[in-house]
Amino acid sequence: MKPAESYARAGVHLDIAQEILNRIAGAVRSTYRSEVIAGLGAFAGLYRADALKAMAEPVLVASTDGVGTKLKVAARLGRWETIGYDLVHHCVNDILVHGARPLFFLDYIAAARLEPDVVVRVVESVAAACRAVGCVLLGGETAEMPGIYMPGELDLVGTIVGVVERHRIRDGRGIQPGDSLLALPSSGLHTNGYSLARKVLEDLDWESFMLELGASIGEALLAPHRCYLEPIRMLEEAGIEIKGLAHITGGGVFENLPRILPPGTAAVLHRGAWPEPPIFSLIQRLGHVDAGEMFRVFNMGLGIIMILDPEAAERALALRPEELFHVGEIVAGDRSVHIQGLT
């Protein structure tokens, strides 16, 4: 059979797609468990749901997300080995707030022209992240679409499916005034706010060490999105009831925390009660960004916020004193967020 020369002249290279498939096969299959009936190479992934029969009322929990323009940072620095962790961890955290544990994951990678070495590194990092959280990388798609994407651009999206018992769904309904807010800190920007960060920092040297950051700008920007599955699981296994969780992503604390607040409640945070990675102060200073806007764009060091009654909060702090911070409390209000010390 002749190579698809006409298609290649149109900008789509089938031989490259096959090369990528061959090179990622081992990484993808390394995530498989006995539940996988069909995965890589099939028209769709097939996953046995037998284990759900042992659950009383299993509820599937699904989420789709991407890593935004953090991809431009990876491209500028030529570093793709952690970007898959960003994607998987973001999606795991989004279903974790509802109490779900991951079952399987699908990824989507698209570009004007697929670069095999780049795609393989990205998929290998997705697979490694999936293995670490016990999630199957069931399948995905690589698409070459000239005319849709700009040359040199890459898009990366992931979909996750998890499961939770219906009676264990975390929806915040038990939250009440007097409850405590604890936070697990972020590692940096995670996967949000990069359009503003890149604009402010674009003319600086991203590869030299900066004393202020304790790293280079590039290293600070590429710090992987943290996964909070393990610390939350540890607290739950210790019998600590978590009334609500908020993953602080796009929109910052002002938009994400109210999503779990029931009517009649509000949240008060005390700035300074948790560590803020220095990359945020650098962006704020150089970009002359208002403090309120910083908290609407970035997580500002708040990776995930949990709401517990005061007694449970004290137990949780005793279990993980090195990484849990008491950052505020629930008060009576209109589902708003107030930050003391915001200047």
C-alpha atoms as a PDB file:
ATOM      1  CA  MET A   1       0.000   0.000   0.000  1.00  0.00           C
ATOM      2  CA  LYS A   2       1.337   3.430  -0.902  1.00  0.00           C
ATOM      3  CA  PRO A   3       1.964   5.862   1.930  1.00  0.00           C
ATOM      4  CA  ALA A   4      -0.778   8.468   2.434  1.00  0.00           C
ATOM      5  CA  GLU A   5       1.126  11.136   0.505  1.00  0.00           C
ATOM      6  CA  SER A   6      -1.867  13.317  -0.299  1.00  0.00           C
ATOM      7  CA  TYR A   7      -2.972  13.323   3.320  1.00  0.00           C
ATOM      8  CA  ALA A   8       0.570  14.189   4.415  1.00  0.00           C
ATOM      9  CA  ARG A   9       0.640  17.106   1.978  1.00  0.00           C
ATOM     10  CA  ALA A  10      -2.600  18.268   3.615  1.00  0.00           C
ATOM     11  CA  GLY A  11      -0.791  18.240   6.952  1.00  0.00           C
ATOM     12  CA  VAL A  12      -1.817  14.921   8.525  1.00  0.00           C
ATOM     13  CA  HIS A  13       0.843  12.240   8.927  1.00  0.00           C
ATOM     14  CA  LEU A  14      -0.585   8.787   9.572  1.00  0.00           C
ATOM     15  CA  ASP A  15       2.854   7.242   9.948  1.00  0.00           C
ATOM     16  CA  ILE A  16       3.605   9.594  12.835  1.00  0.00           C
ATOM     17  CA  ALA A  17       0.363   8.647  14.567  1.00  0.00           C
ATOM     18  CA  GLN A  18       1.263   4.959  14.279  1.00  0.00           C
ATOM     19  CA  GLU A  19       4.771   5.591  15.570  1.00  0.00           C
ATOM     20  CA  ILE A  20       3.330   7.350  18.621  1.00  0.00           C
ATOM     21  CA  LEU A  21       0.881   4.515  19.242  1.00  0.00           C
ATOM     22  CA  ASN A  22       3.695   1.963  19.146  1.00  0.00           C
ATOM     23  CA  ARG A  23       5.869   3.969  21.506  1.00  0.00           C
ATOM     24  CA  ILE A  24       3.224   4.680  24.151  1.00  0.00           C
ATOM     25  CA  ALA A  25       1.750   1.177  24.241  1.00  0.00           C
ATOM     26  CA  GLY A  26       3.944  -0.061  27.074  1.00  0.00           C
ATOM     27  CA  ALA A  27       3.305   2.968  29.295  1.00  0.00           C
ATOM     28  CA  VAL A  28      -0.460   2.804  28.797  1.00  0.00           C
ATOM     29  CA  ARG A  29      -0.693  -0.947  29.400  1.00  0.00           C
ATOM     30  CA  SER A  30       1.400  -0.617  32.553  1.00  0.00           C
ATOM     31  CA  THR A  31      -1.663   0.980  34.182  1.00  0.00           C
ATOM     32  CA  TYR A  32      -4.004  -1.911  33.328  1.00  0.00           C
ATOM     33  CA  ARG A  33      -5.589  -4.169  35.903  1.00  0.00           C
ATOM     34  CA  SER A  34      -7.813  -7.210  35.570  1.00  0.00           C
ATOM     35  CA  GLU A  35     -10.837  -4.944  35.050  1.00  0.00           C
ATOM     36  CA  VAL A  36      -9.617  -3.914  31.587  1.00  0.00           C
ATOM     37  CA  ILE A  37     -11.232  -5.971  28.821  1.00  0.00           C
ATOM     38  CA  ALA A  38     -10.172  -3.752  25.923  1.00  0.00           C
ATOM     39  CA  GLY A  39      -8.031  -0.664  25.869  1.00  0.00           C
ATOM     40  CA  LEU A  40      -5.315   0.607  23.575  1.00  0.00           C
ATOM     41  CA  GLY A  41      -6.124  -0.085  19.927  1.00  0.00           C
ATOM     42  CA  ALA A  42      -9.823  -0.761  20.454  1.00  0.00           C
ATOM     43  CA  PHE A  43     -12.544   1.578  19.243  1.00  0.00           C
ATOM     44  CA  ALA A  44     -13.437   2.196  22.887  1.00  0.00           C
ATOM     45  CA  GLY A  45     -12.123   1.174  26.289  1.00  0.00           C
ATOM     46  CA  LEU A  46     -13.979  -1.629  28.045  1.00  0.00           C
ATOM     47  CA  TYR A  47     -13.815  -1.790  31.831  1.00  0.00           C
ATOM     48  CA  ARG A  48     -15.376  -4.512  33.976  1.00  0.00           C
ATOM     49  CA  ALA A  49     -17.620  -3.087  36.690  1.00  0.00           C
ATOM     50  CA  ASP A  50     -17.953  -6.294  38.723  1.00  0.00           C
ATOM     51  CA  ALA A  51     -16.480  -4.647  41.829  1.00  0.00           C
ATOM     52  CA  LEU A  52     -19.371  -2.207  41.917  1.00  0.00           C
ATOM     53  CA  LYS A  53     -21.728  -5.097  42.701  1.00  0.00           C
ATOM     54  CA  ALA A  54     -20.261  -5.231  46.195  1.00  0.00           C
ATOM     55  CA  MET A  55     -21.294  -1.620  46.776  1.00  0.00           C
ATOM     56  CA  ALA A  56     -24.729  -0.772  48.157  1.00  0.00           C
ATOM     57  CA  GLU A  57     -25.466   2.225  45.889  1.00  0.00           C
ATOM     58  CA  PRO A  58     -22.465   2.965  43.667  1.00  0.00           C
ATOM     59  CA  VAL A  59     -22.469   6.398  42.050  1.00  0.00           C
ATOM     60  CA  LEU A  60     -20.164   7.150  39.131  1.00  0.00           C
ATOM     61  CA  VAL A  61     -18.440  10.522  39.316  1.00  0.00           C
ATOM     62  CA  ALA A  62     -16.893  11.986  36.147  1.00  0.00           C
ATOM     63  CA  SER A  63     -14.886  15.089  35.294  1.00  0.00           C
ATOM     64  CA  THR A  64     -13.112  16.551  32.275  1.00  0.00           C
ATOM     65  CA  ASP A  65     -10.398  19.195  32.427  1.00  0.00           C
ATOM     66  CA  GLY A  66      -7.162  20.405  30.891  1.00  0.00           C
ATOM     67  CA  VAL A  67      -3.964  22.138  31.965  1.00  0.00           C
ATOM     68  CA  GLY A  68      -4.563  25.399  30.117  1.00  0.00           C
ATOM     69  CA  THR A  69      -1.682  27.557  28.969  1.00  0.00           C
ATOM     70  CA  LYS A  70       0.737  25.815  31.298  1.00  0.00           C
ATOM     71  CA  LEU A  71       1.403  23.922  28.069  1.00  0.00           C
ATOM     72  CA  LYS A  72       3.057  27.077  26.712  1.00  0.00           C
ATOM     73  CA  VAL A  73       5.423  27.085  29.677  1.00  0.00           C
ATOM     74  CA  ALA A  74       6.347  23.451  29.013  1.00  0.00           C
ATOM     75  CA  ALA A  75       6.882  24.255  25.332  1.00  0.00           C
ATOM     76  CA  ARG A  76       9.068  27.298  26.049  1.00  0.00           C
ATOM     77  CA  LEU A  77      11.300  25.249  28.350  1.00  0.00           C
ATOM     78  CA  GLY A  78      11.094  21.993  26.385  1.00  0.00           C
ATOM     79  CA  ARG A  79      10.028  20.136  29.545  1.00  0.00           C
ATOM     80  CA  TRP A  80       7.098  17.755  29.238  1.00  0.00           C
ATOM     81  CA  GLU A  81       7.869  15.137  31.887  1.00  0.00           C
ATOM     82  CA  THR A  82       5.469  16.498  34.530  1.00  0.00           C
ATOM     83  CA  ILE A  83       2.601  17.878  32.479  1.00  0.00           C
ATOM     84  CA  GLY A  84       0.714  14.561  32.618  1.00  0.00           C
ATOM     85  CA  TYR A  85       0.851  14.675  36.416  1.00  0.00           C
ATOM     86  CA  ASP A  86      -0.794  18.103  36.266  1.00  0.00           C
ATOM     87  CA  LEU A  87      -3.638  16.715  34.193  1.00  0.00           C
ATOM     88  CA  VAL A  88      -4.272  13.560  36.210  1.00  0.00           C
ATOM     89  CA  HIS A  89      -3.923  15.222  39.602  1.00  0.00           C
ATOM     90  CA  HIS A  90      -6.295  18.046  38.658  1.00  0.00           C
ATOM     91  CA  CYS A  91      -8.954  15.545  37.596  1.00  0.00           C
ATOM     92  CA  VAL A  92      -8.425  13.253  40.609  1.00  0.00           C
ATOM     93  CA  ASN A  93      -8.850  16.217  42.965  1.00  0.00           C
ATOM     94  CA  ASP A  94     -12.054  17.294  41.232  1.00  0.00           C
ATOM     95  CA  ILE A  95     -13.783  13.968  41.895  1.00  0.00           C
ATOM     96  CA  LEU A  96     -12.128  13.597  45.301  1.00  0.00           C
ATOM     97  CA  VAL A  97     -14.057  16.584  46.651  1.00  0.00           C
ATOM     98  CA  HIS A  98     -17.245  14.554  46.143  1.00  0.00           C
ATOM     99  CA  GLY A  99     -15.766  11.538  47.920  1.00  0.00           C
ATOM    100  CA  ALA A 100     -14.981   9.499  44.789  1.00  0.00           C
ATOM    101  CA  ARG A 101     -11.967   7.316  44.097  1.00  0.00           C
ATOM    102  CA  PRO A 102     -10.636   7.036  40.530  1.00  0.00           C
ATOM    103  CA  LEU A 103     -11.426   4.054  38.299  1.00  0.00           C
ATOM    104  CA  PHE A 104     -10.151   4.985  34.848  1.00  0.00           C
ATOM    105  CA  PHE A 105      -8.819   7.906  32.830  1.00  0.00           C
ATOM    106  CA  LEU A 106      -8.806   8.955  29.164  1.00  0.00           C
ATOM    107  CA  ASP A 107      -6.539  11.549  27.587  1.00  0.00           C
ATOM    108  CA  TYR A 108      -6.753  13.679  24.444  1.00  0.00           C
ATOM    109  CA  ILE A 109      -3.724  15.224  22.760  1.00  0.00           C
ATOM    110  CA  ALA A 110      -4.023  17.403  19.664  1.00  0.00           C
ATOM    111  CA  ALA A 111      -1.689  19.583  17.643  1.00  0.00           C
ATOM    112  CA  ALA A 112      -1.211  21.060  14.195  1.00  0.00           C
ATOM    113  CA  ARG A 113       1.610  18.549  13.794  1.00  0.00           C
ATOM    114  CA  LEU A 114       2.295  15.818  16.326  1.00  0.00           C
ATOM    115  CA  GLU A 115       5.881  15.624  17.541  1.00  0.00           C
ATOM    116  CA  PRO A 116       6.418  11.984  18.568  1.00  0.00           C
ATOM    117  CA  ASP A 117       9.047  12.683  21.228  1.00  0.00           C
ATOM    118  CA  VAL A 118       6.826  15.289  22.895  1.00  0.00           C
ATOM    119  CA  VAL A 119       3.648  13.208  22.770  1.00  0.00           C
ATOM    120  CA  VAL A 120       5.411  10.136  24.136  1.00  0.00           C
ATOM    121  CA  ARG A 121       6.815  12.103  27.080  1.00  0.00           C
ATOM    122  CA  VAL A 122       3.407  13.547  27.858  1.00  0.00           C
ATOM    123  CA  VAL A 123       1.617  10.188  27.690  1.00  0.00           C
ATOM    124  CA  GLU A 124       4.320   8.514  29.763  1.00  0.00           C
ATOM    125  CA  SER A 125       3.787  11.147  32.471  1.00  0.00           C
ATOM    126  CA  VAL A 126       0.004  10.651  32.294  1.00  0.00           C
ATOM    127  CA  ALA A 127       0.513   6.890  32.691  1.00  0.00           C
ATOM    128  CA  ALA A 128       2.941   7.329  35.596  1.00  0.00           C
ATOM    129  CA  ALA A 129       0.478   9.608  37.387  1.00  0.00           C
ATOM    130  CA  CYS A 130      -2.344   7.114  36.811  1.00  0.00           C
ATOM    131  CA  ARG A 131      -0.255   4.254  38.224  1.00  0.00           C
ATOM    132  CA  ALA A 132       0.540   6.313  41.316  1.00  0.00           C
ATOM    133  CA  VAL A 133      -3.129   6.916  42.136  1.00  0.00           C
ATOM    134  CA  GLY A 134      -4.323   3.429  41.174  1.00  0.00           C
ATOM    135  CA  CYS A 135      -6.182   4.582  38.078  1.00  0.00           C
ATOM    136  CA  VAL A 136      -6.297   2.803  34.714  1.00  0.00           C
ATOM    137  CA  LEU A 137      -5.328   4.807  31.627  1.00  0.00           C
ATOM    138  CA  LEU A 138      -8.038   3.143  29.592  1.00  0.00           C
ATOM    139  CA  GLY A 139      -7.548   4.931  26.295  1.00  0.00           C
ATOM    140  CA  GLY A 140      -7.426   8.269  24.572  1.00  0.00           C
ATOM    141  CA  GLU A 141      -6.881  10.087  21.324  1.00  0.00           C
ATOM    142  CA  THR A 142      -4.039  11.774  19.501  1.00  0.00           C
ATOM    143  CA  ALA A 143      -5.195  14.100  16.747  1.00  0.00           C
ATOM    144  CA  GLU A 144      -3.265  16.030  14.141  1.00  0.00           C
ATOM    145  CA  MET A 145      -5.377  18.989  13.001  1.00  0.00           C
ATOM    146  CA  PRO A 146      -3.594  21.608  10.897  1.00  0.00           C
ATOM    147  CA  GLY A 147      -5.692  24.737  10.581  1.00  0.00           C
ATOM    148  CA  ILE A 148      -7.306  24.242  13.978  1.00  0.00           C
ATOM    149  CA  TYR A 149      -4.167  24.557  16.080  1.00  0.00           C
ATOM    150  CA  MET A 150      -1.293  26.963  15.494  1.00  0.00           C
ATOM    151  CA  PRO A 151       2.053  25.410  14.504  1.00  0.00           C
ATOM    152  CA  GLY A 152       3.996  24.382  17.587  1.00  0.00           C
ATOM    153  CA  GLU A 153       0.879  24.337  19.777  1.00  0.00           C
ATOM    154  CA  LEU A 154      -0.286  21.350  21.829  1.00  0.00           C
ATOM    155  CA  ASP A 155      -3.627  20.736  23.520  1.00  0.00           C
ATOM    156  CA  LEU A 156      -4.074  18.270  26.381  1.00  0.00           C
ATOM    157  CA  VAL A 157      -7.352  17.258  28.007  1.00  0.00           C
ATOM    158  CA  GLY A 158      -8.300  14.429  30.338  1.00  0.00           C
ATOM    159  CA  THR A 159     -11.481  12.705  31.465  1.00  0.00           C
ATOM    160  CA  ILE A 160     -11.708  10.730  34.679  1.00  0.00           C
ATOM    161  CA  VAL A 161     -14.389   8.379  36.004  1.00  0.00           C
ATOM    162  CA  GLY A 162     -14.526   7.402  39.656  1.00  0.00           C
ATOM    163  CA  VAL A 163     -17.000   5.874  42.074  1.00  0.00           C
ATOM    164  CA  VAL A 164     -18.437   6.595  45.503  1.00  0.00           C
ATOM    165  CA  GLU A 165     -21.140   5.072  47.661  1.00  0.00           C
ATOM    166  CA  ARG A 166     -24.211   7.285  47.499  1.00  0.00           C
ATOM    167  CA  HIS A 167     -24.366   7.760  51.257  1.00  0.00           C
ATOM    168  CA  ARG A 168     -20.716   8.886  51.231  1.00  0.00           C
ATOM    169  CA  ILE A 169     -21.127  11.627  48.639  1.00  0.00           C
ATOM    170  CA  ARG A 170     -19.603  14.788  50.021  1.00  0.00           C
ATOM    171  CA  ASP A 171     -21.862  17.753  49.197  1.00  0.00           C
ATOM    172  CA  GLY A 172     -21.349  20.187  52.087  1.00  0.00           C
ATOM    173  CA  ARG A 173     -24.907  19.994  53.364  1.00  0.00           C
ATOM    174  CA  GLY A 174     -23.771  19.498  56.982  1.00  0.00           C
ATOM    175  CA  ILE A 175     -21.593  22.629  57.036  1.00  0.00           C
ATOM    176  CA  GLN A 176     -22.652  25.168  59.688  1.00  0.00           C
ATOM    177  CA  PRO A 177     -21.361  28.318  61.407  1.00  0.00           C
ATOM    178  CA  GLY A 178     -18.555  27.488  63.832  1.00  0.00           C
ATOM    179  CA  ASP A 179     -16.964  24.858  61.598  1.00  0.00           C
ATOM    180  CA  SER A 180     -13.237  25.100  60.896  1.00  0.00           C
ATOM    181  CA  LEU A 181     -11.476  25.588  57.578  1.00  0.00           C
ATOM    182  CA  LEU A 182      -8.277  23.601  57.100  1.00  0.00           C
ATOM    183  CA  ALA A 183      -6.100  23.784  54.010  1.00  0.00           C
ATOM    184  CA  LEU A 184      -3.641  21.519  52.285  1.00  0.00           C
ATOM    185  CA  PRO A 185      -1.189  23.861  50.552  1.00  0.00           C
ATOM    186  CA  SER A 186      -0.539  24.077  46.836  1.00  0.00           C
ATOM    187  CA  SER A 187       2.839  23.654  45.180  1.00  0.00           C
ATOM    188  CA  GLY A 188       2.376  26.822  43.134  1.00  0.00           C
ATOM    189  CA  LEU A 189       0.035  27.827  40.326  1.00  0.00           C
ATOM    190  CA  HIS A 190      -1.037  24.212  39.726  1.00  0.00           C
ATOM    191  CA  THR A 191      -2.945  24.524  36.413  1.00  0.00           C
ATOM    192  CA  ASN A 192      -4.602  27.943  36.587  1.00  0.00           C
ATOM    193  CA  GLY A 193      -3.673  31.568  35.991  1.00  0.00           C
ATOM    194  CA  TYR A 194      -0.918  30.941  33.460  1.00  0.00           C
ATOM    195  CA  SER A 195      -2.132  33.476  30.915  1.00  0.00           C
ATOM    196  CA  LEU A 196      -1.622  36.263  33.456  1.00  0.00           C
ATOM    197  CA  ALA A 197       1.602  34.758  34.833  1.00  0.00           C
ATOM    198  CA  ARG A 198       3.156  34.426  31.378  1.00  0.00           C
ATOM    199  CA  LYS A 199       2.206  37.979  30.426  1.00  0.00           C
ATOM    200  CA  VAL A 200       3.791  39.407  33.578  1.00  0.00           C
ATOM    201  CA  LEU A 201       6.944  37.259  33.428  1.00  0.00           C
ATOM    202  CA  GLU A 202       7.445  36.767  29.685  1.00  0.00           C
ATOM    203  CA  ASP A 203      10.464  39.099  29.311  1.00  0.00           C
ATOM    204  CA  LEU A 204      12.426  37.682  32.251  1.00  0.00           C
ATOM    205  CA  ASP A 205      15.021  34.909  32.327  1.00  0.00           C
ATOM    206  CA  TRP A 206      13.098  31.726  33.110  1.00  0.00           C
ATOM    207  CA  GLU A 207      16.077  29.404  33.479  1.00  0.00           C
ATOM    208  CA  SER A 208      18.418  31.079  35.983  1.00  0.00           C
ATOM    209  CA  PHE A 209      18.101  30.514  39.719  1.00  0.00           C
ATOM    210  CA  MET A 210      16.246  33.284  41.611  1.00  0.00           C
ATOM    211  CA  LEU A 211      16.943  33.598  45.316  1.00  0.00           C
ATOM    212  CA  GLU A 212      13.449  35.018  45.870  1.00  0.00           C
ATOM    213  CA  LEU A 213      11.869  31.843  44.488  1.00  0.00           C
ATOM    214  CA  GLY A 214      14.447  29.319  45.607  1.00  0.00           C
ATOM    215  CA  ALA A 215      14.307  28.073  42.012  1.00  0.00           C
ATOM    216  CA  SER A 216      14.166  29.423  38.484  1.00  0.00           C
ATOM    217  CA  ILE A 217      10.981  31.020  37.175  1.00  0.00           C
ATOM    218  CA  GLY A 218      10.534  28.056  34.859  1.00  0.00           C
ATOM    219  CA  GLU A 219      10.841  25.566  37.714  1.00  0.00           C
ATOM    220  CA  ALA A 220       8.368  27.533  39.836  1.00  0.00           C
ATOM    221  CA  LEU A 221       5.852  27.702  36.989  1.00  0.00           C
ATOM    222  CA  LEU A 222       6.187  24.005  36.171  1.00  0.00           C
ATOM    223  CA  ALA A 223       5.852  22.772  39.765  1.00  0.00           C
ATOM    224  CA  PRO A 224       3.370  19.880  39.367  1.00  0.00           C
ATOM    225  CA  HIS A 225      -0.217  20.172  40.494  1.00  0.00           C
ATOM    226  CA  ARG A 226      -0.451  18.365  43.843  1.00  0.00           C
ATOM    227  CA  CYS A 227      -2.679  15.342  44.272  1.00  0.00           C
ATOM    228  CA  TYR A 228      -4.604  15.285  47.560  1.00  0.00           C
ATOM    229  CA  LEU A 229      -5.924  11.741  47.367  1.00  0.00           C
ATOM    230  CA  GLU A 230      -3.472  10.254  49.892  1.00  0.00           C
ATOM    231  CA  PRO A 231      -3.796  12.823  52.716  1.00  0.00           C
ATOM    232  CA  ILE A 232      -7.594  12.900  52.422  1.00  0.00           C
ATOM    233  CA  ARG A 233      -7.731   9.106  52.411  1.00  0.00           C
ATOM    234  CA  MET A 234      -5.523   9.002  55.520  1.00  0.00           C
ATOM    235  CA  LEU A 235      -7.836  11.373  57.393  1.00  0.00           C
ATOM    236  CA  GLU A 236     -10.920   9.395  56.405  1.00  0.00           C
ATOM    237  CA  GLU A 237      -9.344   6.091  57.401  1.00  0.00           C
ATOM    238  CA  ALA A 238      -8.632   7.649  60.800  1.00  0.00           C
ATOM    239  CA  GLY A 239     -12.378   8.208  61.179  1.00  0.00           C
ATOM    240  CA  ILE A 240     -12.276  11.980  60.687  1.00  0.00           C
ATOM    241  CA  GLU A 241     -15.453  13.295  59.093  1.00  0.00           C
ATOM    242  CA  ILE A 242     -14.839  15.895  56.400  1.00  0.00           C
ATOM    243  CA  LYS A 243     -18.031  17.842  55.778  1.00  0.00           C
ATOM    244  CA  GLY A 244     -16.880  19.485  52.573  1.00  0.00           C
ATOM    245  CA  LEU A 245     -13.908  19.910  50.250  1.00  0.00           C
ATOM    246  CA  ALA A 246     -13.143  22.646  47.752  1.00  0.00           C
ATOM    247  CA  HIS A 247     -10.461  22.240  45.098  1.00  0.00           C
ATOM    248  CA  ILE A 248      -9.109  25.757  44.541  1.00  0.00           C
ATOM    249  CA  THR A 249      -8.669  26.046  40.785  1.00  0.00           C
ATOM    250  CA  GLY A 250      -9.743  28.635  38.193  1.00  0.00           C
ATOM    251  CA  GLY A 251     -11.595  31.467  39.902  1.00  0.00           C
ATOM    252  CA  GLY A 252      -9.572  31.077  43.064  1.00  0.00           C
ATOM    253  CA  VAL A 253     -11.033  30.840  46.537  1.00  0.00           C
ATOM    254  CA  PHE A 254     -13.771  33.389  45.803  1.00  0.00           C
ATOM    255  CA  GLU A 255     -15.425  31.193  43.177  1.00  0.00           C
ATOM    256  CA  ASN A 256     -14.581  27.670  44.351  1.00  0.00           C
ATOM    257  CA  LEU A 257     -15.233  27.706  48.088  1.00  0.00           C
ATOM    258  CA  PRO A 258     -18.856  28.974  47.772  1.00  0.00           C
ATOM    259  CA  ARG A 259     -19.682  25.949  45.597  1.00  0.00           C
ATOM    260  CA  ILE A 260     -19.852  23.788  48.720  1.00  0.00           C
ATOM    261  CA  LEU A 261     -21.352  26.301  51.166  1.00  0.00           C
ATOM    262  CA  PRO A 262     -25.019  25.716  52.072  1.00  0.00           C
ATOM    263  CA  PRO A 263     -27.428  28.676  52.316  1.00  0.00           C
ATOM    264  CA  GLY A 264     -26.998  30.745  55.448  1.00  0.00           C
ATOM    265  CA  THR A 265     -23.250  30.268  55.679  1.00  0.00           C
ATOM    266  CA  ALA A 266     -20.125  32.156  54.617  1.00  0.00           C
ATOM    267  CA  ALA A 267     -16.398  31.642  55.001  1.00  0.00           C
ATOM    268  CA  VAL A 268     -13.748  33.812  56.641  1.00  0.00           C
ATOM    269  CA  LEU A 269     -10.090  33.196  55.778  1.00  0.00           C
ATOM    270  CA  HIS A 270      -7.103  34.672  57.606  1.00  0.00           C
ATOM    271  CA  ARG A 271      -4.339  35.560  55.183  1.00  0.00           C
ATOM    272  CA  GLY A 272      -0.980  34.656  56.673  1.00  0.00           C
ATOM    273  CA  ALA A 273      -2.295  31.453  58.242  1.00  0.00           C
ATOM    274  CA  TRP A 274      -0.901  29.380  55.374  1.00  0.00           C
ATOM    275  CA  PRO A 275       2.266  29.569  53.240  1.00  0.00           C
ATOM    276  CA  GLU A 276       1.980  31.399  49.912  1.00  0.00           C
ATOM    277  CA  PRO A 277       4.557  30.195  47.351  1.00  0.00           C
ATOM    278  CA  PRO A 278       6.797  33.159  46.445  1.00  0.00           C
ATOM    279  CA  ILE A 279       5.901  32.955  42.753  1.00  0.00           C
ATOM    280  CA  PHE A 280       2.620  34.693  43.635  1.00  0.00           C
ATOM    281  CA  SER A 281       4.234  37.717  45.280  1.00  0.00           C
ATOM    282  CA  LEU A 282       6.588  38.010  42.293  1.00  0.00           C
ATOM    283  CA  ILE A 283       3.660  38.064  39.865  1.00  0.00           C
ATOM    284  CA  GLN A 284       1.714  40.530  42.003  1.00  0.00           C
ATOM    285  CA  ARG A 285       4.643  42.919  42.359  1.00  0.00           C
ATOM    286  CA  LEU A 286       5.862  42.890  38.766  1.00  0.00           C
ATOM    287  CA  GLY A 287       2.373  42.921  37.282  1.00  0.00           C
ATOM    288  CA  HIS A 288       0.966  45.504  39.714  1.00  0.00           C
ATOM    289  CA  VAL A 289      -1.946  43.135  40.306  1.00  0.00           C
ATOM    290  CA  ASP A 290      -4.519  43.987  42.963  1.00  0.00           C
ATOM    291  CA  ALA A 291      -4.537  41.551  45.893  1.00  0.00           C
ATOM    292  CA  GLY A 292      -8.216  40.801  45.403  1.00  0.00           C
ATOM    293  CA  GLU A 293      -7.608  39.903  41.771  1.00  0.00           C
ATOM    294  CA  MET A 294      -4.731  37.631  42.778  1.00  0.00           C
ATOM    295  CA  PHE A 295      -7.164  35.626  44.908  1.00  0.00           C
ATOM    296  CA  ARG A 296      -9.652  35.469  42.009  1.00  0.00           C
ATOM    297  CA  VAL A 297      -7.100  34.226  39.481  1.00  0.00           C
ATOM    298  CA  PHE A 298      -4.730  32.044  41.504  1.00  0.00           C
ATOM    299  CA  ASN A 299      -5.008  29.519  44.339  1.00  0.00           C
ATOM    300  CA  MET A 300      -2.546  31.650  46.366  1.00  0.00           C
ATOM    301  CA  GLY A 301      -1.169  28.598  48.160  1.00  0.00           C
ATOM    302  CA  LEU A 302      -4.551  27.063  48.996  1.00  0.00           C
ATOM    303  CA  GLY A 303      -4.574  23.743  47.171  1.00  0.00           C
ATOM    304  CA  ILE A 304      -7.649  22.248  48.753  1.00  0.00           C
ATOM    305  CA  ILE A 305      -9.816  23.538  51.599  1.00  0.00           C
ATOM    306  CA  MET A 306     -11.685  21.197  53.903  1.00  0.00           C
ATOM    307  CA  ILE A 307     -14.489  21.999  56.309  1.00  0.00           C
ATOM    308  CA  LEU A 308     -14.735  20.071  59.586  1.00  0.00           C
ATOM    309  CA  ASP A 309     -16.290  20.607  62.966  1.00  0.00           C
ATOM    310  CA  PRO A 310     -13.771  22.028  65.475  1.00  0.00           C
ATOM    311  CA  GLU A 311     -13.117  18.721  67.235  1.00  0.00           C
ATOM    312  CA  ALA A 312     -12.475  16.870  63.966  1.00  0.00           C
ATOM    313  CA  ALA A 313     -10.242  19.734  62.860  1.00  0.00           C
ATOM    314  CA  GLU A 314      -8.091  19.377  65.965  1.00  0.00           C
ATOM    315  CA  ARG A 315      -7.705  15.647  65.343  1.00  0.00           C
ATOM    316  CA  ALA A 316      -6.796  16.251  61.714  1.00  0.00           C
ATOM    317  CA  LEU A 317      -4.186  18.857  62.625  1.00  0.00           C
ATOM    318  CA  ALA A 318      -2.645  16.435  65.106  1.00  0.00           C
ATOM    319  CA  LEU A 319      -2.428  13.709  62.445  1.00  0.00           C
ATOM    320  CA  ARG A 320      -0.775  15.856  59.760  1.00  0.00           C
ATOM    321  CA  PRO A 321       0.732  18.864  61.540  1.00  0.00           C
ATOM    322  CA  GLU A 322       3.423  19.340  58.893  1.00  0.00           C
ATOM    323  CA  GLU A 323       1.044  20.078  56.033  1.00  0.00           C
ATOM    324  CA  LEU A 324      -2.393  21.028  57.363  1.00  0.00           C
ATOM    325  CA  PHE A 325      -3.131  24.659  58.203  1.00  0.00           C
ATOM    326  CA  HIS A 326      -6.051  26.142  60.129  1.00  0.00           C
ATOM    327  CA  VAL A 327      -6.970  28.972  57.749  1.00  0.00           C
ATOM    328  CA  GLY A 328     -10.415  30.157  58.829  1.00  0.00           C
ATOM    329  CA  GLU A 329     -13.927  29.376  59.913  1.00  0.00           C
ATOM    330  CA  ILE A 330     -17.515  29.207  58.777  1.00  0.00           C
ATOM    331  CA  VAL A 331     -19.819  32.025  59.878  1.00  0.00           C
ATOM    332  CA  ALA A 332     -23.424  32.983  59.189  1.00  0.00           C
ATOM    333  CA  GLY A 333     -23.782  34.665  55.809  1.00  0.00           C
ATOM    334  CA  ASP A 334     -24.717  34.614  52.166  1.00  0.00           C
ATOM    335  CA  ARG A 335     -22.334  31.948  50.752  1.00  0.00           C
ATOM    336  CA  SER A 336     -19.607  34.544  50.294  1.00  0.00           C
ATOM    337  CA  VAL A 337     -15.891  34.449  51.113  1.00  0.00           C
ATOM    338  CA  HIS A 338     -14.106  37.110  53.148  1.00  0.00           C
ATOM    339  CA  ILE A 339     -10.331  37.290  53.526  1.00  0.00           C
ATOM    340  CA  GLN A 340      -8.921  39.130  56.520  1.00  0.00           C
ATOM    341  CA  GLY A 341      -5.564  40.742  55.849  1.00  0.00           C
ATOM    342  CA  LEU A 342      -6.255  41.200  52.133  1.00  0.00           C
ATOM    343  CA  THR A 343      -4.256  44.287  51.136  1.00  0.00           C
END
